[in-house]
């Protein structure tokens, strides 16, 4: 099995296990990292001891921390998955 196939399988499992996340506006471990997550990040393990973060898509930035977000179905099987933030 190639690395890309394994990545796709792992991301498929993650997307089904962590269907919803919590939007975090440019924050990673308490430090502002605008270059790493310029549009915010989606935290798929908000209650867990470690964060599983996916960067928010350019067309769906995180405007408010705590709002729900989901994996972008168009990018979830790529090398760089993105999240769609629901800023409602």
PDB file of N, CA and C in Angstrom:
ATOM      1  N   UNK A   1       0.854  -1.177   0.000  1.00  0.00           N
ATOM      2  CA  UNK A   1       0.000   0.000   0.000  1.00  0.00           C
ATOM      3  C   UNK A   1       0.898   1.237   0.000  1.00  0.00           C
ATOM      4  N   UNK A   2       0.602   2.169  -0.856  1.00  0.00           N
ATOM      5  CA  UNK A   2       1.393   3.385  -0.950  1.00  0.00           C
ATOM      6  C   UNK A   2       0.985   4.366   0.138  1.00  0.00           C
ATOM      7  N   UNK A   3       1.881   5.329   0.390  1.00  0.00           N
ATOM      8  CA  UNK A   3       1.629   6.346   1.416  1.00  0.00           C
ATOM      9  C   UNK A   3       0.363   7.135   1.101  1.00  0.00           C
ATOM     10  N   UNK A   4       0.151   7.499  -0.166  1.00  0.00           N
ATOM     11  CA  UNK A   4      -1.033   8.296  -0.511  1.00  0.00           C
ATOM     12  C   UNK A   4      -2.322   7.513  -0.255  1.00  0.00           C
ATOM     13  N   UNK A   5      -2.297   6.213  -0.502  1.00  0.00           N
ATOM     14  CA  UNK A   5      -3.478   5.394  -0.229  1.00  0.00           C
ATOM     15  C   UNK A   5      -3.729   5.294   1.268  1.00  0.00           C
ATOM     16  N   UNK A   6      -2.648   5.128   2.026  1.00  0.00           N
ATOM     17  CA  UNK A   6      -2.771   5.054   3.476  1.00  0.00           C
ATOM     18  C   UNK A   6      -3.285   6.372   4.041  1.00  0.00           C
ATOM     19  N   UNK A   7      -2.796   7.483   3.507  1.00  0.00           N
ATOM     20  CA  UNK A   7      -3.266   8.803   3.938  1.00  0.00           C
ATOM     21  C   UNK A   7      -4.756   8.956   3.668  1.00  0.00           C
ATOM     22  N   UNK A   8      -5.204   8.536   2.506  1.00  0.00           N
ATOM     23  CA  UNK A   8      -6.627   8.639   2.165  1.00  0.00           C
ATOM     24  C   UNK A   8      -7.479   7.798   3.107  1.00  0.00           C
ATOM     25  N   UNK A   9      -6.992   6.614   3.450  1.00  0.00           N
ATOM     26  CA  UNK A   9      -7.748   5.747   4.363  1.00  0.00           C
ATOM     27  C   UNK A   9      -7.820   6.359   5.750  1.00  0.00           C
ATOM     28  N   UNK A  10      -6.686   6.867   6.237  1.00  0.00           N
ATOM     29  CA  UNK A  10      -6.658   7.491   7.565  1.00  0.00           C
ATOM     30  C   UNK A  10      -7.563   8.717   7.597  1.00  0.00           C
ATOM     31  N   UNK A  11      -7.508   9.545   6.572  1.00  0.00           N
ATOM     32  CA  UNK A  11      -8.362  10.734   6.537  1.00  0.00           C
ATOM     33  C   UNK A  11      -9.837  10.358   6.447  1.00  0.00           C
ATOM     34  N   UNK A  12     -10.152   9.286   5.752  1.00  0.00           N
ATOM     35  CA  UNK A  12     -11.545   8.835   5.688  1.00  0.00           C
ATOM     36  C   UNK A  12     -12.028   8.396   7.063  1.00  0.00           C
ATOM     37  N   UNK A  13     -11.161   7.697   7.799  1.00  0.00           N
ATOM     38  CA  UNK A  13     -11.537   7.278   9.150  1.00  0.00           C
ATOM     39  C   UNK A  13     -11.693   8.482  10.063  1.00  0.00           C
ATOM     40  N   UNK A  14     -10.782   9.432   9.944  1.00  0.00           N
ATOM     41  CA  UNK A  14     -10.856  10.636  10.771  1.00  0.00           C
ATOM     42  C   UNK A  14     -12.102  11.436  10.436  1.00  0.00           C
ATOM     43  N   UNK A  15     -12.415  11.558   9.157  1.00  0.00           N
ATOM     44  CA  UNK A  15     -13.581  12.358   8.776  1.00  0.00           C
ATOM     45  C   UNK A  15     -14.881  11.738   9.266  1.00  0.00           C
ATOM     46  N   UNK A  16     -14.925  10.415   9.336  1.00  0.00           N
ATOM     47  CA  UNK A  16     -16.146   9.801   9.844  1.00  0.00           C
ATOM     48  C   UNK A  16     -16.182   9.788  11.365  1.00  0.00           C
ATOM     49  N   UNK A  17     -15.027   9.659  11.995  1.00  0.00           N
ATOM     50  CA  UNK A  17     -14.984   9.639  13.459  1.00  0.00           C
ATOM     51  C   UNK A  17     -15.167  11.035  14.046  1.00  0.00           C
ATOM     52  N   UNK A  18     -14.590  12.018  13.390  1.00  0.00           N
ATOM     53  CA  UNK A  18     -14.664  13.394  13.873  1.00  0.00           C
ATOM     54  C   UNK A  18     -15.429  14.234  12.860  1.00  0.00           C
ATOM     55  N   UNK A  19     -16.703  14.000  12.739  1.00  0.00           N
ATOM     56  CA  UNK A  19     -17.495  14.669  11.714  1.00  0.00           C
ATOM     57  C   UNK A  19     -17.610  16.166  11.954  1.00  0.00           C
ATOM     58  N   UNK A  20     -17.640  16.579  13.200  1.00  0.00           N
ATOM     59  CA  UNK A  20     -17.778  17.997  13.513  1.00  0.00           C
ATOM     60  C   UNK A  20     -16.643  18.435  14.424  1.00  0.00           C
ATOM     61  N   UNK A  21     -16.248  19.672  14.264  1.00  0.00           N
ATOM     62  CA  UNK A  21     -15.211  20.244  15.109  1.00  0.00           C
ATOM     63  C   UNK A  21     -15.619  21.616  15.600  1.00  0.00           C
ATOM     64  N   UNK A  22     -14.705  22.238  16.313  1.00  0.00           N
ATOM     65  CA  UNK A  22     -14.915  23.574  16.851  1.00  0.00           C
ATOM     66  C   UNK A  22     -13.896  24.513  16.221  1.00  0.00           C
ATOM     67  N   UNK A  23     -14.380  25.622  15.713  1.00  0.00           N
ATOM     68  CA  UNK A  23     -13.541  26.617  15.059  1.00  0.00           C
ATOM     69  C   UNK A  23     -12.671  27.350  16.084  1.00  0.00           C
ATOM     70  N   UNK A  24     -11.381  27.512  15.772  1.00  0.00           N
ATOM     71  CA  UNK A  24     -10.466  28.291  16.599  1.00  0.00           C
ATOM     72  C   UNK A  24      -9.832  29.351  15.717  1.00  0.00           C
ATOM     73  N   UNK A  25      -9.976  30.585  16.108  1.00  0.00           N
ATOM     74  CA  UNK A  25      -9.538  31.710  15.282  1.00  0.00           C
ATOM     75  C   UNK A  25      -8.034  31.947  15.431  1.00  0.00           C
ATOM     76  N   UNK A  26      -7.237  31.268  14.614  1.00  0.00           N
ATOM     77  CA  UNK A  26      -5.803  31.502  14.552  1.00  0.00           C
ATOM     78  C   UNK A  26      -5.033  31.185  15.814  1.00  0.00           C
ATOM     79  N   UNK A  27      -5.544  30.285  16.649  1.00  0.00           N
ATOM     80  CA  UNK A  27      -4.873  29.978  17.904  1.00  0.00           C
ATOM     81  C   UNK A  27      -4.390  28.537  17.869  1.00  0.00           C
ATOM     82  N   UNK A  28      -3.145  28.326  18.274  1.00  0.00           N
ATOM     83  CA  UNK A  28      -2.576  26.989  18.379  1.00  0.00           C
ATOM     84  C   UNK A  28      -1.785  26.900  19.673  1.00  0.00           C
ATOM     85  N   UNK A  29      -2.246  26.097  20.595  1.00  0.00           N
ATOM     86  CA  UNK A  29      -1.580  25.913  21.891  1.00  0.00           C
ATOM     87  C   UNK A  29      -1.336  27.229  22.617  1.00  0.00           C
ATOM     88  N   UNK A  30      -2.256  28.165  22.491  1.00  0.00           N
ATOM     89  CA  UNK A  30      -2.158  29.424  23.210  1.00  0.00           C
ATOM     90  C   UNK A  30      -1.320  30.480  22.512  1.00  0.00           C
ATOM     91  N   UNK A  31      -0.639  30.136  21.432  1.00  0.00           N
ATOM     92  CA  UNK A  31       0.195  31.092  20.706  1.00  0.00           C
ATOM     93  C   UNK A  31      -0.477  31.462  19.395  1.00  0.00           C
ATOM     94  N   UNK A  32      -0.428  32.732  19.051  1.00  0.00           N
ATOM     95  CA  UNK A  32      -1.002  33.178  17.788  1.00  0.00           C
ATOM     96  C   UNK A  32      -0.064  32.759  16.661  1.00  0.00           C
ATOM     97  N   UNK A  33      -0.560  31.993  15.716  1.00  0.00           N
ATOM     98  CA  UNK A  33       0.240  31.494  14.598  1.00  0.00           C
ATOM     99  C   UNK A  33      -0.437  31.868  13.289  1.00  0.00           C
ATOM    100  N   UNK A  34      -0.451  33.155  12.911  1.00  0.00           N
ATOM    101  CA  UNK A  34      -1.182  33.545  11.706  1.00  0.00           C
ATOM    102  C   UNK A  34      -0.616  32.945  10.428  1.00  0.00           C
ATOM    103  N   UNK A  35       0.676  32.643  10.388  1.00  0.00           N
ATOM    104  CA  UNK A  35       1.250  32.053   9.186  1.00  0.00           C
ATOM    105  C   UNK A  35       0.861  30.599   9.009  1.00  0.00           C
ATOM    106  N   UNK A  36       0.678  29.891  10.124  1.00  0.00           N
ATOM    107  CA  UNK A  36       0.335  28.477  10.069  1.00  0.00           C
ATOM    108  C   UNK A  36      -1.147  28.268   9.774  1.00  0.00           C
ATOM    109  N   UNK A  37      -1.999  29.042  10.426  1.00  0.00           N
ATOM    110  CA  UNK A  37      -3.447  28.969  10.231  1.00  0.00           C
ATOM    111  C   UNK A  37      -3.983  30.384   9.992  1.00  0.00           C
ATOM    112  N   UNK A  38      -3.731  30.964   8.813  1.00  0.00           N
ATOM    113  CA  UNK A  38      -4.132  32.356   8.584  1.00  0.00           C
ATOM    114  C   UNK A  38      -5.642  32.586   8.626  1.00  0.00           C
ATOM    115  N   UNK A  39      -6.429  31.550   8.373  1.00  0.00           N
ATOM    116  CA  UNK A  39      -7.893  31.682   8.379  1.00  0.00           C
ATOM    117  C   UNK A  39      -8.525  30.942   9.551  1.00  0.00           C
ATOM    118  N   UNK A  40      -7.702  30.561  10.522  1.00  0.00           N
ATOM    119  CA  UNK A  40      -8.183  29.809  11.668  1.00  0.00           C
ATOM    120  C   UNK A  40      -8.022  28.315  11.451  1.00  0.00           C
ATOM    121  N   UNK A  41      -8.433  27.548  12.445  1.00  0.00           N
ATOM    122  CA  UNK A  41      -8.317  26.095  12.370  1.00  0.00           C
ATOM    123  C   UNK A  41      -9.556  25.451  12.967  1.00  0.00           C
ATOM    124  N   UNK A  42      -9.822  24.242  12.530  1.00  0.00           N
ATOM    125  CA  UNK A  42     -10.930  23.462  13.065  1.00  0.00           C
ATOM    126  C   UNK A  42     -10.335  22.400  13.985  1.00  0.00           C
ATOM    127  N   UNK A  43     -10.729  22.436  15.252  1.00  0.00           N
ATOM    128  CA  UNK A  43     -10.246  21.486  16.247  1.00  0.00           C
ATOM    129  C   UNK A  43     -11.249  20.342  16.340  1.00  0.00           C
ATOM    130  N   UNK A  44     -10.844  19.152  15.897  1.00  0.00           N
ATOM    131  CA  UNK A  44     -11.752  18.007  15.885  1.00  0.00           C
ATOM    132  C   UNK A  44     -11.725  17.213  17.184  1.00  0.00           C
ATOM    133  N   UNK A  45     -10.881  17.603  18.123  1.00  0.00           N
ATOM    134  CA  UNK A  45     -10.837  16.947  19.438  1.00  0.00           C
ATOM    135  C   UNK A  45     -10.830  18.007  20.537  1.00  0.00           C
ATOM    136  N   UNK A  46     -11.887  18.819  20.648  1.00  0.00           N
ATOM    137  CA  UNK A  46     -11.869  19.918  21.620  1.00  0.00           C
ATOM    138  C   UNK A  46     -11.801  19.462  23.073  1.00  0.00           C
ATOM    139  N   UNK A  47     -12.293  18.271  23.376  1.00  0.00           N
ATOM    140  CA  UNK A  47     -12.267  17.793  24.761  1.00  0.00           C
ATOM    141  C   UNK A  47     -11.092  16.854  25.019  1.00  0.00           C
ATOM    142  N   UNK A  48     -10.318  16.571  23.995  1.00  0.00           N
ATOM    143  CA  UNK A  48      -9.220  15.622  24.140  1.00  0.00           C
ATOM    144  C   UNK A  48      -7.947  16.261  24.667  1.00  0.00           C
ATOM    145  N   UNK A  49      -6.994  15.435  25.094  1.00  0.00           N
ATOM    146  CA  UNK A  49      -5.737  15.951  25.627  1.00  0.00           C
ATOM    147  C   UNK A  49      -4.843  16.557  24.546  1.00  0.00           C
ATOM    148  N   UNK A  50      -4.990  16.127  23.295  1.00  0.00           N
ATOM    149  CA  UNK A  50      -4.216  16.677  22.192  1.00  0.00           C
ATOM    150  C   UNK A  50      -5.176  17.235  21.149  1.00  0.00           C
ATOM    151  N   UNK A  51      -4.707  18.247  20.427  1.00  0.00           N
ATOM    152  CA  UNK A  51      -5.550  18.864  19.405  1.00  0.00           C
ATOM    153  C   UNK A  51      -5.296  18.226  18.048  1.00  0.00           C
ATOM    154  N   UNK A  52      -6.374  17.922  17.333  1.00  0.00           N
ATOM    155  CA  UNK A  52      -6.291  17.503  15.940  1.00  0.00           C
ATOM    156  C   UNK A  52      -6.837  18.664  15.129  1.00  0.00           C
ATOM    157  N   UNK A  53      -5.931  19.470  14.566  1.00  0.00           N
ATOM    158  CA  UNK A  53      -6.313  20.701  13.880  1.00  0.00           C
ATOM    159  C   UNK A  53      -6.211  20.552  12.372  1.00  0.00           C
ATOM    160  N   UNK A  54      -7.185  21.126  11.677  1.00  0.00           N
ATOM    161  CA  UNK A  54      -7.177  21.222  10.222  1.00  0.00           C
ATOM    162  C   UNK A  54      -7.415  22.685   9.885  1.00  0.00           C
ATOM    163  N   UNK A  55      -6.596  23.222   9.000  1.00  0.00           N
ATOM    164  CA  UNK A  55      -6.718  24.645   8.657  1.00  0.00           C
ATOM    165  C   UNK A  55      -8.043  24.930   7.961  1.00  0.00           C
ATOM    166  N   UNK A  56      -8.583  26.103   8.227  1.00  0.00           N
ATOM    167  CA  UNK A  56      -9.834  26.529   7.592  1.00  0.00           C
ATOM    168  C   UNK A  56      -9.556  26.969   6.161  1.00  0.00           C
ATOM    169  N   UNK A  57     -10.487  26.699   5.284  1.00  0.00           N
ATOM    170  CA  UNK A  57     -10.354  27.060   3.877  1.00  0.00           C
ATOM    171  C   UNK A  57     -10.375  28.577   3.707  1.00  0.00           C
ATOM    172  N   UNK A  58      -9.730  29.050   2.646  1.00  0.00           N
ATOM    173  CA  UNK A  58      -9.683  30.486   2.357  1.00  0.00           C
ATOM    174  C   UNK A  58     -11.080  31.069   2.195  1.00  0.00           C
ATOM    175  N   UNK A  59     -11.985  30.307   1.568  1.00  0.00           N
ATOM    176  CA  UNK A  59     -13.336  30.813   1.306  1.00  0.00           C
ATOM    177  C   UNK A  59     -14.297  30.572   2.466  1.00  0.00           C
ATOM    178  N   UNK A  60     -13.788  30.005   3.575  1.00  0.00           N
ATOM    179  CA  UNK A  60     -14.623  29.735   4.743  1.00  0.00           C
ATOM    180  C   UNK A  60     -13.805  29.934   6.021  1.00  0.00           C
ATOM    181  N   UNK A  61     -13.361  31.166   6.269  1.00  0.00           N
ATOM    182  CA  UNK A  61     -12.502  31.412   7.432  1.00  0.00           C
ATOM    183  C   UNK A  61     -13.268  31.336   8.750  1.00  0.00           C
ATOM    184  N   UNK A  62     -12.536  31.122   9.810  1.00  0.00           N
ATOM    185  CA  UNK A  62     -13.119  31.125  11.150  1.00  0.00           C
ATOM    186  C   UNK A  62     -13.189  32.572  11.631  1.00  0.00           C
ATOM    187  N   UNK A  63     -14.388  33.084  11.798  1.00  0.00           N
ATOM    188  CA  UNK A  63     -14.566  34.450  12.281  1.00  0.00           C
ATOM    189  C   UNK A  63     -14.726  34.506  13.790  1.00  0.00           C
ATOM    190  N   UNK A  64     -15.264  33.446  14.379  1.00  0.00           N
ATOM    191  CA  UNK A  64     -15.542  33.425  15.811  1.00  0.00           C
ATOM    192  C   UNK A  64     -15.148  32.075  16.394  1.00  0.00           C
ATOM    193  N   UNK A  65     -14.296  32.085  17.410  1.00  0.00           N
ATOM    194  CA  UNK A  65     -13.910  30.849  18.079  1.00  0.00           C
ATOM    195  C   UNK A  65     -15.132  30.202  18.730  1.00  0.00           C
ATOM    196  N   UNK A  66     -15.233  28.884  18.588  1.00  0.00           N
ATOM    197  CA  UNK A  66     -16.326  28.141  19.204  1.00  0.00           C
ATOM    198  C   UNK A  66     -17.449  27.761  18.260  1.00  0.00           C
ATOM    199  N   UNK A  67     -17.443  28.295  17.052  1.00  0.00           N
ATOM    200  CA  UNK A  67     -18.480  27.944  16.075  1.00  0.00           C
ATOM    201  C   UNK A  67     -18.166  26.572  15.469  1.00  0.00           C
ATOM    202  N   UNK A  68     -19.173  25.834  15.001  1.00  0.00           N
ATOM    203  CA  UNK A  68     -18.929  24.507  14.429  1.00  0.00           C
ATOM    204  C   UNK A  68     -18.229  24.571  13.072  1.00  0.00           C
ATOM    205  N   UNK A  69     -17.525  23.488  12.746  1.00  0.00           N
ATOM    206  CA  UNK A  69     -16.852  23.375  11.453  1.00  0.00           C
ATOM    207  C   UNK A  69     -16.810  21.903  11.046  1.00  0.00           C
ATOM    208  N   UNK A  70     -16.597  21.673   9.754  1.00  0.00           N
ATOM    209  CA  UNK A  70     -16.562  20.324   9.188  1.00  0.00           C
ATOM    210  C   UNK A  70     -15.411  20.227   8.205  1.00  0.00           C
ATOM    211  N   UNK A  71     -14.990  18.989   7.912  1.00  0.00           N
ATOM    212  CA  UNK A  71     -14.002  18.787   6.864  1.00  0.00           C
ATOM    213  C   UNK A  71     -14.623  19.120   5.518  1.00  0.00           C
ATOM    214  N   UNK A  72     -13.845  19.768   4.664  1.00  0.00           N
ATOM    215  CA  UNK A  72     -14.285  20.072   3.310  1.00  0.00           C
ATOM    216  C   UNK A  72     -14.271  18.768   2.508  1.00  0.00           C
ATOM    217  N   UNK A  73     -15.422  18.319   1.998  1.00  0.00           N
ATOM    218  CA  UNK A  73     -15.454  17.043   1.271  1.00  0.00           C
ATOM    219  C   UNK A  73     -14.595  17.039   0.014  1.00  0.00           C
ATOM    220  N   UNK A  74     -14.311  18.206  -0.553  1.00  0.00           N
ATOM    221  CA  UNK A  74     -13.501  18.273  -1.766  1.00  0.00           C
ATOM    222  C   UNK A  74     -12.014  18.118  -1.476  1.00  0.00           C
ATOM    223  N   UNK A  75     -11.585  18.414  -0.245  1.00  0.00           N
ATOM    224  CA  UNK A  75     -10.155  18.348   0.058  1.00  0.00           C
ATOM    225  C   UNK A  75      -9.803  17.306   1.109  1.00  0.00           C
ATOM    226  N   UNK A  76     -10.787  16.559   1.609  1.00  0.00           N
ATOM    227  CA  UNK A  76     -10.500  15.658   2.728  1.00  0.00           C
ATOM    228  C   UNK A  76      -9.573  14.506   2.365  1.00  0.00           C
ATOM    229  N   UNK A  77      -9.478  14.140   1.101  1.00  0.00           N
ATOM    230  CA  UNK A  77      -8.599  13.046   0.701  1.00  0.00           C
ATOM    231  C   UNK A  77      -7.321  13.544   0.032  1.00  0.00           C
ATOM    232  N   UNK A  78      -7.026  14.820   0.160  1.00  0.00           N
ATOM    233  CA  UNK A  78      -5.802  15.377  -0.399  1.00  0.00           C
ATOM    234  C   UNK A  78      -4.723  15.414   0.678  1.00  0.00           C
ATOM    235  N   UNK A  79      -3.525  15.810   0.284  1.00  0.00           N
ATOM    236  CA  UNK A  79      -2.415  15.907   1.242  1.00  0.00           C
ATOM    237  C   UNK A  79      -2.628  17.039   2.233  1.00  0.00           C
ATOM    238  N   UNK A  80      -3.437  18.036   1.856  1.00  0.00           N
ATOM    239  CA  UNK A  80      -3.682  19.193   2.718  1.00  0.00           C
ATOM    240  C   UNK A  80      -5.186  19.416   2.876  1.00  0.00           C
ATOM    241  N   UNK A  81      -5.839  18.640   3.739  1.00  0.00           N
ATOM    242  CA  UNK A  81      -7.280  18.824   3.930  1.00  0.00           C
ATOM    243  C   UNK A  81      -7.587  20.172   4.559  1.00  0.00           C
ATOM    244  N   UNK A  82      -8.767  20.686   4.274  1.00  0.00           N
ATOM    245  CA  UNK A  82      -9.203  21.964   4.828  1.00  0.00           C
ATOM    246  C   UNK A  82     -10.568  21.795   5.477  1.00  0.00           C
ATOM    247  N   UNK A  83     -10.893  22.736   6.349  1.00  0.00           N
ATOM    248  CA  UNK A  83     -12.179  22.715   7.042  1.00  0.00           C
ATOM    249  C   UNK A  83     -13.052  23.860   6.559  1.00  0.00           C
ATOM    250  N   UNK A  84     -14.356  23.663   6.659  1.00  0.00           N
ATOM    251  CA  UNK A  84     -15.329  24.704   6.348  1.00  0.00           C
ATOM    252  C   UNK A  84     -15.951  25.154   7.661  1.00  0.00           C
ATOM    253  N   UNK A  85     -15.804  26.433   7.976  1.00  0.00           N
ATOM    254  CA  UNK A  85     -16.325  26.969   9.236  1.00  0.00           C
ATOM    255  C   UNK A  85     -17.718  27.538   9.028  1.00  0.00           C
ATOM    256  N   UNK A  86     -18.588  27.246   9.957  1.00  0.00           N
ATOM    257  CA  UNK A  86     -19.968  27.735   9.903  1.00  0.00           C
ATOM    258  C   UNK A  86     -20.079  28.908  10.864  1.00  0.00           C
ATOM    259  N   UNK A  87     -19.846  30.095  10.367  1.00  0.00           N
ATOM    260  CA  UNK A  87     -19.809  31.290  11.209  1.00  0.00           C
ATOM    261  C   UNK A  87     -21.204  31.819  11.494  1.00  0.00           C
ATOM    262  N   UNK A  88     -22.089  30.975  11.970  1.00  0.00           N
ATOM    263  CA  UNK A  88     -23.454  31.398  12.272  1.00  0.00           C
ATOM    264  C   UNK A  88     -23.692  31.325  13.749  1.00  0.00           C
TER     265      UNK A  88
END
